[in-house]
Amino acid sequence: AQKRNLLFNEINFKSSPQKPSGDWVEIYNPGDSLIDMTNWKYKDAKNSYKFPVGYILKPNEYVVVAEDTAKFKSAHPYVKNVVGNADFGLSGSGEYILLFDNIEQQVDSVHYNIVDPWPINAAGTGHTLELKDHILD
């Protein structure tokens, strides 16, 4: 059986006006196995995104699920592994986001917020919420 150890690594819920990339989440594969993400789903409070058939995430690879891939690529042209357009808009005041595999088992979840202990700089200053260490919660 393949490992299901993907995790949310970075969240951008409010871009800075200088770099308007739209909302996006980054998912990381810290394992040593290829993960077939066919029909995996990212979900937030109101919407979801289903990964396309045949989408593979390699070991130690990241993928960005972007609300608007054109906006994201314009702001971050060096990032190559981007999927979307995802029908979501992340809440600027925090919400619960989830990742499910192709048989609807929850793989990861994060309830981010804009109050302590979460950094307030992620609210429109150009910073994002980023996991410091994939071993930590």
N, C-alpha and C. Protein backbone atom coordinates (compact mmCIF):
# COMPACT_ATOMS: atom_id res chain seq x y z
N ALA A 1 0.85 -1.19 0.00
CA ALA A 1 0.00 0.00 0.00
C ALA A 1 0.88 1.24 0.00
N GLN A 2 0.43 2.27 -0.72
CA GLN A 2 1.22 3.49 -0.77
C GLN A 2 1.05 4.29 0.51
N LYS A 3 2.08 5.01 0.87
CA LYS A 3 2.01 5.86 2.06
C LYS A 3 1.09 7.03 1.76
N ARG A 4 0.32 7.41 2.75
CA ARG A 4 -0.55 8.56 2.62
C ARG A 4 -0.09 9.62 3.61
N ASN A 5 1.08 10.14 3.35
CA ASN A 5 1.66 11.07 4.31
C ASN A 5 1.86 12.46 3.72
N LEU A 6 1.01 12.84 2.79
CA LEU A 6 1.09 14.19 2.25
C LEU A 6 0.58 15.16 3.30
N LEU A 7 1.05 16.40 3.21
CA LEU A 7 0.62 17.37 4.20
C LEU A 7 0.60 18.78 3.62
N PHE A 8 -0.23 19.61 4.25
CA PHE A 8 -0.25 21.02 3.88
C PHE A 8 1.04 21.65 4.39
N ASN A 9 1.76 22.30 3.51
CA ASN A 9 3.03 22.90 3.87
C ASN A 9 2.97 24.43 3.92
N GLU A 10 2.13 25.01 3.07
CA GLU A 10 2.07 26.48 3.00
C GLU A 10 0.67 26.91 2.58
N ILE A 11 0.22 28.03 3.14
CA ILE A 11 -1.12 28.55 2.85
C ILE A 11 -1.00 30.04 2.55
N ASN A 12 -1.59 30.46 1.44
CA ASN A 12 -1.66 31.88 1.12
C ASN A 12 -3.14 32.26 1.03
N PHE A 13 -3.63 32.93 2.06
CA PHE A 13 -5.05 33.28 2.09
C PHE A 13 -5.32 34.74 1.79
N LYS A 14 -4.26 35.56 1.72
CA LYS A 14 -4.44 36.97 1.39
C LYS A 14 -3.14 37.52 0.83
N SER A 15 -3.09 37.64 -0.49
CA SER A 15 -1.88 38.12 -1.16
C SER A 15 -1.66 39.60 -0.89
N SER A 16 -0.41 40.00 -1.04
CA SER A 16 -0.12 41.43 -0.94
C SER A 16 -0.53 42.10 -2.26
N PRO A 17 -0.88 43.36 -2.23
CA PRO A 17 -1.22 44.06 -3.48
C PRO A 17 -0.05 44.11 -4.47
N GLN A 18 1.17 44.04 -3.97
CA GLN A 18 2.35 44.08 -4.84
C GLN A 18 2.58 42.76 -5.58
N LYS A 19 2.04 41.66 -5.07
CA LYS A 19 2.23 40.35 -5.67
C LYS A 19 0.91 39.57 -5.60
N PRO A 20 -0.10 40.01 -6.36
CA PRO A 20 -1.43 39.40 -6.26
C PRO A 20 -1.49 38.02 -6.93
N SER A 21 -1.24 36.99 -6.15
CA SER A 21 -1.19 35.63 -6.68
C SER A 21 -2.49 34.85 -6.52
N GLY A 22 -3.48 35.45 -5.86
CA GLY A 22 -4.70 34.72 -5.55
C GLY A 22 -4.45 33.77 -4.38
N ASP A 23 -5.49 33.11 -3.96
CA ASP A 23 -5.37 32.16 -2.86
C ASP A 23 -4.77 30.86 -3.36
N TRP A 24 -4.00 30.19 -2.50
CA TRP A 24 -3.41 28.92 -2.86
C TRP A 24 -2.93 28.18 -1.62
N VAL A 25 -2.80 26.86 -1.78
CA VAL A 25 -2.21 26.01 -0.75
C VAL A 25 -1.11 25.18 -1.40
N GLU A 26 -0.10 24.86 -0.62
CA GLU A 26 0.99 24.01 -1.10
C GLU A 26 0.94 22.70 -0.32
N ILE A 27 1.04 21.60 -1.04
CA ILE A 27 1.02 20.26 -0.45
C ILE A 27 2.39 19.64 -0.68
N TYR A 28 2.91 18.94 0.33
CA TYR A 28 4.25 18.37 0.29
C TYR A 28 4.20 16.87 0.50
N ASN A 29 5.04 16.16 -0.24
CA ASN A 29 5.22 14.71 -0.07
C ASN A 29 6.57 14.48 0.60
N PRO A 30 6.61 14.32 1.94
CA PRO A 30 7.88 14.12 2.63
C PRO A 30 8.36 12.66 2.57
N GLY A 31 7.56 11.79 1.99
CA GLY A 31 7.89 10.37 1.97
C GLY A 31 8.86 10.00 0.88
N ASP A 32 9.09 8.69 0.73
CA ASP A 32 10.02 8.19 -0.26
C ASP A 32 9.31 7.42 -1.38
N SER A 33 8.00 7.61 -1.48
CA SER A 33 7.21 6.92 -2.50
C SER A 33 6.49 7.92 -3.41
N LEU A 34 6.30 7.53 -4.66
CA LEU A 34 5.42 8.28 -5.55
C LEU A 34 4.00 8.17 -5.02
N ILE A 35 3.24 9.24 -5.11
CA ILE A 35 1.84 9.20 -4.68
C ILE A 35 0.97 9.53 -5.89
N ASP A 36 0.11 8.59 -6.26
CA ASP A 36 -0.86 8.83 -7.33
C ASP A 36 -2.02 9.59 -6.71
N MET A 37 -2.18 10.85 -7.08
CA MET A 37 -3.22 11.71 -6.50
C MET A 37 -4.47 11.77 -7.34
N THR A 38 -4.64 10.82 -8.26
CA THR A 38 -5.86 10.77 -9.06
C THR A 38 -7.08 10.79 -8.14
N ASN A 39 -7.96 11.75 -8.37
CA ASN A 39 -9.21 11.92 -7.62
C ASN A 39 -9.04 12.26 -6.15
N TRP A 40 -7.85 12.64 -5.71
CA TRP A 40 -7.70 13.18 -4.37
C TRP A 40 -8.42 14.53 -4.34
N LYS A 41 -8.84 14.96 -3.15
CA LYS A 41 -9.57 16.22 -3.04
C LYS A 41 -8.99 17.11 -1.95
N TYR A 42 -8.88 18.37 -2.33
CA TYR A 42 -8.61 19.44 -1.37
C TYR A 42 -9.96 20.07 -1.09
N LYS A 43 -10.28 20.31 0.17
CA LYS A 43 -11.55 20.94 0.51
C LYS A 43 -11.33 22.05 1.52
N ASP A 44 -12.13 23.12 1.34
CA ASP A 44 -12.19 24.15 2.37
C ASP A 44 -13.64 24.22 2.84
N ALA A 45 -14.00 25.27 3.52
CA ALA A 45 -15.34 25.36 4.11
C ALA A 45 -16.46 25.32 3.07
N LYS A 46 -16.21 25.83 1.85
CA LYS A 46 -17.29 25.93 0.87
C LYS A 46 -17.04 25.18 -0.42
N ASN A 47 -15.80 24.89 -0.76
CA ASN A 47 -15.48 24.37 -2.08
C ASN A 47 -14.48 23.22 -2.01
N SER A 48 -14.22 22.64 -3.19
CA SER A 48 -13.22 21.58 -3.25
C SER A 48 -12.54 21.60 -4.61
N TYR A 49 -11.41 20.91 -4.68
CA TYR A 49 -10.67 20.74 -5.93
C TYR A 49 -10.30 19.27 -6.03
N LYS A 50 -10.60 18.65 -7.16
CA LYS A 50 -10.25 17.25 -7.38
C LYS A 50 -9.04 17.19 -8.30
N PHE A 51 -8.01 16.45 -7.88
CA PHE A 51 -6.82 16.29 -8.70
C PHE A 51 -7.13 15.49 -9.95
N PRO A 52 -6.49 15.83 -11.07
CA PRO A 52 -6.78 15.15 -12.34
C PRO A 52 -6.27 13.71 -12.36
N VAL A 53 -6.85 12.93 -13.25
CA VAL A 53 -6.45 11.54 -13.45
C VAL A 53 -4.98 11.50 -13.85
N GLY A 54 -4.23 10.63 -13.19
CA GLY A 54 -2.82 10.44 -13.51
C GLY A 54 -1.87 11.43 -12.86
N TYR A 55 -2.36 12.27 -11.95
CA TYR A 55 -1.47 13.24 -11.31
C TYR A 55 -0.60 12.51 -10.28
N ILE A 56 0.72 12.60 -10.43
CA ILE A 56 1.68 11.94 -9.55
C ILE A 56 2.50 12.99 -8.81
N LEU A 57 2.63 12.82 -7.49
CA LEU A 57 3.50 13.68 -6.69
C LEU A 57 4.69 12.82 -6.25
N LYS A 58 5.87 13.25 -6.67
CA LYS A 58 7.09 12.49 -6.40
C LYS A 58 7.56 12.72 -4.96
N PRO A 59 8.45 11.85 -4.47
CA PRO A 59 9.01 12.05 -3.12
C PRO A 59 9.70 13.41 -3.01
N ASN A 60 9.53 14.05 -1.87
CA ASN A 60 10.12 15.36 -1.58
C ASN A 60 9.72 16.43 -2.59
N GLU A 61 8.55 16.28 -3.17
CA GLU A 61 8.05 17.24 -4.14
C GLU A 61 6.86 17.99 -3.56
N TYR A 62 6.68 19.21 -4.05
CA TYR A 62 5.58 20.08 -3.64
C TYR A 62 4.65 20.30 -4.82
N VAL A 63 3.37 20.53 -4.53
CA VAL A 63 2.43 20.96 -5.55
C VAL A 63 1.59 22.09 -4.96
N VAL A 64 1.36 23.11 -5.77
CA VAL A 64 0.51 24.23 -5.36
C VAL A 64 -0.85 24.05 -6.01
N VAL A 65 -1.90 24.13 -5.19
CA VAL A 65 -3.28 24.14 -5.68
C VAL A 65 -3.69 25.61 -5.66
N ALA A 66 -3.83 26.19 -6.85
CA ALA A 66 -4.07 27.63 -6.97
C ALA A 66 -5.51 27.94 -7.36
N GLU A 67 -6.03 28.98 -6.76
CA GLU A 67 -7.35 29.48 -7.12
C GLU A 67 -7.35 29.92 -8.59
N ASP A 68 -6.28 30.58 -9.00
CA ASP A 68 -6.14 31.09 -10.37
C ASP A 68 -4.70 30.84 -10.81
N THR A 69 -4.50 29.85 -11.68
CA THR A 69 -3.13 29.47 -12.06
C THR A 69 -2.41 30.59 -12.82
N ALA A 70 -3.11 31.37 -13.61
CA ALA A 70 -2.47 32.46 -14.35
C ALA A 70 -1.95 33.52 -13.38
N LYS A 71 -2.77 33.91 -12.41
CA LYS A 71 -2.34 34.88 -11.40
C LYS A 71 -1.15 34.36 -10.61
N PHE A 72 -1.25 33.07 -10.22
CA PHE A 72 -0.17 32.49 -9.43
C PHE A 72 1.14 32.47 -10.22
N LYS A 73 1.08 32.01 -11.46
CA LYS A 73 2.29 31.92 -12.29
C LYS A 73 2.88 33.30 -12.59
N SER A 74 2.04 34.31 -12.69
CA SER A 74 2.52 35.67 -12.91
C SER A 74 3.29 36.16 -11.69
N ALA A 75 2.80 35.85 -10.50
CA ALA A 75 3.45 36.29 -9.26
C ALA A 75 4.64 35.40 -8.89
N HIS A 76 4.59 34.12 -9.29
CA HIS A 76 5.64 33.16 -8.91
C HIS A 76 6.05 32.34 -10.13
N PRO A 77 6.71 32.95 -11.10
CA PRO A 77 7.04 32.25 -12.35
C PRO A 77 8.02 31.10 -12.19
N TYR A 78 8.76 31.06 -11.11
CA TYR A 78 9.74 30.01 -10.88
C TYR A 78 9.12 28.71 -10.36
N VAL A 79 7.88 28.76 -9.88
CA VAL A 79 7.20 27.57 -9.37
C VAL A 79 6.55 26.85 -10.55
N LYS A 80 6.95 25.61 -10.78
CA LYS A 80 6.48 24.87 -11.96
C LYS A 80 5.35 23.90 -11.67
N ASN A 81 5.25 23.40 -10.44
CA ASN A 81 4.28 22.36 -10.13
C ASN A 81 3.01 23.00 -9.54
N VAL A 82 2.12 23.44 -10.45
CA VAL A 82 0.91 24.17 -10.06
C VAL A 82 -0.29 23.51 -10.73
N VAL A 83 -1.35 23.28 -9.95
CA VAL A 83 -2.61 22.77 -10.50
C VAL A 83 -3.72 23.74 -10.16
N GLY A 84 -4.81 23.65 -10.87
CA GLY A 84 -5.96 24.52 -10.69
C GLY A 84 -6.60 24.68 -12.05
N ASN A 85 -7.40 25.59 -12.25
CA ASN A 85 -7.94 26.60 -11.38
C ASN A 85 -8.90 25.94 -10.39
N ALA A 86 -8.68 26.23 -9.14
CA ALA A 86 -9.48 25.63 -8.09
C ALA A 86 -10.57 26.61 -7.69
N ASP A 87 -11.76 26.10 -7.54
CA ASP A 87 -12.91 26.93 -7.19
C ASP A 87 -12.95 27.13 -5.68
N PHE A 88 -12.03 27.96 -5.19
CA PHE A 88 -12.06 28.26 -3.76
C PHE A 88 -11.51 29.65 -3.52
N GLY A 89 -11.86 30.17 -2.40
CA GLY A 89 -11.30 31.41 -1.90
C GLY A 89 -11.12 31.20 -0.40
N LEU A 90 -9.90 31.26 0.06
CA LEU A 90 -9.63 31.03 1.47
C LEU A 90 -10.09 32.22 2.31
N SER A 91 -10.61 31.92 3.47
CA SER A 91 -11.10 32.97 4.36
C SER A 91 -9.95 33.80 4.90
N GLY A 92 -10.10 35.10 4.87
CA GLY A 92 -9.11 36.00 5.42
C GLY A 92 -9.09 36.04 6.93
N SER A 93 -10.03 35.34 7.57
CA SER A 93 -10.06 35.30 9.02
C SER A 93 -9.84 33.90 9.58
N GLY A 94 -9.41 32.97 8.71
CA GLY A 94 -9.11 31.61 9.15
C GLY A 94 -10.22 30.65 8.81
N GLU A 95 -9.83 29.40 8.59
CA GLU A 95 -10.81 28.34 8.35
C GLU A 95 -10.13 26.98 8.39
N TYR A 96 -10.90 25.95 8.21
CA TYR A 96 -10.45 24.56 8.24
C TYR A 96 -10.27 24.09 6.81
N ILE A 97 -9.08 23.57 6.48
CA ILE A 97 -8.83 23.01 5.15
C ILE A 97 -8.45 21.54 5.31
N LEU A 98 -8.84 20.72 4.31
CA LEU A 98 -8.65 19.28 4.43
C LEU A 98 -8.14 18.69 3.12
N LEU A 99 -7.44 17.56 3.24
CA LEU A 99 -6.97 16.81 2.09
C LEU A 99 -7.44 15.37 2.24
N PHE A 100 -8.11 14.86 1.20
CA PHE A 100 -8.64 13.50 1.20
C PHE A 100 -8.04 12.71 0.04
N ASP A 101 -7.79 11.42 0.28
CA ASP A 101 -7.29 10.57 -0.80
C ASP A 101 -8.45 10.12 -1.69
N ASN A 102 -8.17 9.26 -2.65
CA ASN A 102 -9.18 8.85 -3.63
C ASN A 102 -10.26 7.94 -3.07
N ILE A 103 -10.12 7.48 -1.84
CA ILE A 103 -11.19 6.69 -1.21
C ILE A 103 -11.80 7.45 -0.03
N GLU A 104 -11.64 8.80 -0.08
CA GLU A 104 -12.25 9.72 0.88
C GLU A 104 -11.71 9.58 2.31
N GLN A 105 -10.50 9.02 2.47
CA GLN A 105 -9.87 9.02 3.79
C GLN A 105 -9.14 10.33 3.98
N GLN A 106 -9.33 10.95 5.14
CA GLN A 106 -8.65 12.21 5.42
C GLN A 106 -7.15 11.96 5.59
N VAL A 107 -6.35 12.72 4.84
CA VAL A 107 -4.90 12.58 4.86
C VAL A 107 -4.27 13.66 5.73
N ASP A 108 -4.79 14.88 5.64
CA ASP A 108 -4.27 15.97 6.45
C ASP A 108 -5.35 17.03 6.61
N SER A 109 -5.20 17.84 7.64
CA SER A 109 -6.10 18.98 7.86
C SER A 109 -5.35 20.05 8.63
N VAL A 110 -5.78 21.27 8.43
CA VAL A 110 -5.22 22.42 9.15
C VAL A 110 -6.37 23.38 9.44
N HIS A 111 -6.42 23.85 10.65
CA HIS A 111 -7.33 24.94 10.98
C HIS A 111 -6.46 26.16 11.24
N TYR A 112 -6.29 26.99 10.18
CA TYR A 112 -5.44 28.18 10.33
C TYR A 112 -6.28 29.34 10.85
N ASN A 113 -5.57 30.32 11.38
CA ASN A 113 -6.25 31.48 11.94
C ASN A 113 -5.34 32.70 11.78
N ILE A 114 -5.84 33.85 12.16
CA ILE A 114 -5.04 35.07 12.06
C ILE A 114 -4.74 35.67 13.43
N VAL A 115 -4.97 34.89 14.48
CA VAL A 115 -4.66 35.34 15.83
C VAL A 115 -3.61 34.42 16.44
N ASP A 116 -2.97 34.87 17.48
CA ASP A 116 -1.93 34.13 18.16
C ASP A 116 -2.39 32.69 18.44
N PRO A 117 -1.61 31.69 18.11
CA PRO A 117 -0.18 31.69 17.81
C PRO A 117 0.15 31.84 16.32
N TRP A 118 -0.86 32.06 15.48
CA TRP A 118 -0.60 32.23 14.04
C TRP A 118 -0.05 33.61 13.78
N PRO A 119 0.92 33.74 12.86
CA PRO A 119 1.50 35.06 12.58
C PRO A 119 0.54 35.96 11.82
N ILE A 120 0.43 37.21 12.25
CA ILE A 120 -0.50 38.13 11.60
C ILE A 120 0.04 38.66 10.28
N ASN A 121 1.34 38.50 10.04
CA ASN A 121 1.93 39.01 8.79
C ASN A 121 1.40 38.32 7.54
N ALA A 122 0.74 37.20 7.68
CA ALA A 122 0.20 36.50 6.51
C ALA A 122 -1.06 37.16 5.96
N ALA A 123 -1.57 38.16 6.65
CA ALA A 123 -2.80 38.81 6.24
C ALA A 123 -2.53 40.01 5.34
N GLY A 124 -2.01 39.73 4.13
CA GLY A 124 -1.89 40.77 3.11
C GLY A 124 -0.57 41.50 3.03
N THR A 125 0.45 41.05 3.76
CA THR A 125 1.73 41.74 3.73
C THR A 125 2.75 41.06 2.81
N GLY A 126 2.33 40.00 2.13
CA GLY A 126 3.25 39.29 1.25
C GLY A 126 3.81 38.03 1.88
N HIS A 127 3.50 37.79 3.13
CA HIS A 127 3.94 36.58 3.82
C HIS A 127 2.86 35.50 3.70
N THR A 128 3.25 34.26 3.93
CA THR A 128 2.32 33.14 3.93
C THR A 128 2.43 32.41 5.26
N LEU A 129 1.50 31.48 5.48
CA LEU A 129 1.63 30.57 6.62
C LEU A 129 2.40 29.37 6.11
N GLU A 130 3.56 29.10 6.69
CA GLU A 130 4.39 28.00 6.21
C GLU A 130 4.81 27.12 7.38
N LEU A 131 4.70 25.81 7.17
CA LEU A 131 5.09 24.85 8.18
C LEU A 131 6.60 24.93 8.40
N LYS A 132 7.03 25.04 9.65
CA LYS A 132 8.46 25.14 9.95
C LYS A 132 9.17 23.81 9.75
N ASP A 133 8.50 22.71 10.09
CA ASP A 133 9.11 21.39 10.00
C ASP A 133 8.00 20.38 9.76
N HIS A 134 8.14 19.57 8.70
CA HIS A 134 7.05 18.65 8.35
C HIS A 134 6.83 17.56 9.40
N ILE A 135 7.74 17.42 10.34
CA ILE A 135 7.55 16.44 11.42
C ILE A 135 6.64 17.01 12.51
N LEU A 136 6.61 18.33 12.62
CA LEU A 136 5.78 18.98 13.65
C LEU A 136 4.35 19.16 13.18
N ASP A 137 3.45 19.33 14.12
CA ASP A 137 2.05 19.59 13.81
C ASP A 137 1.89 21.07 13.52
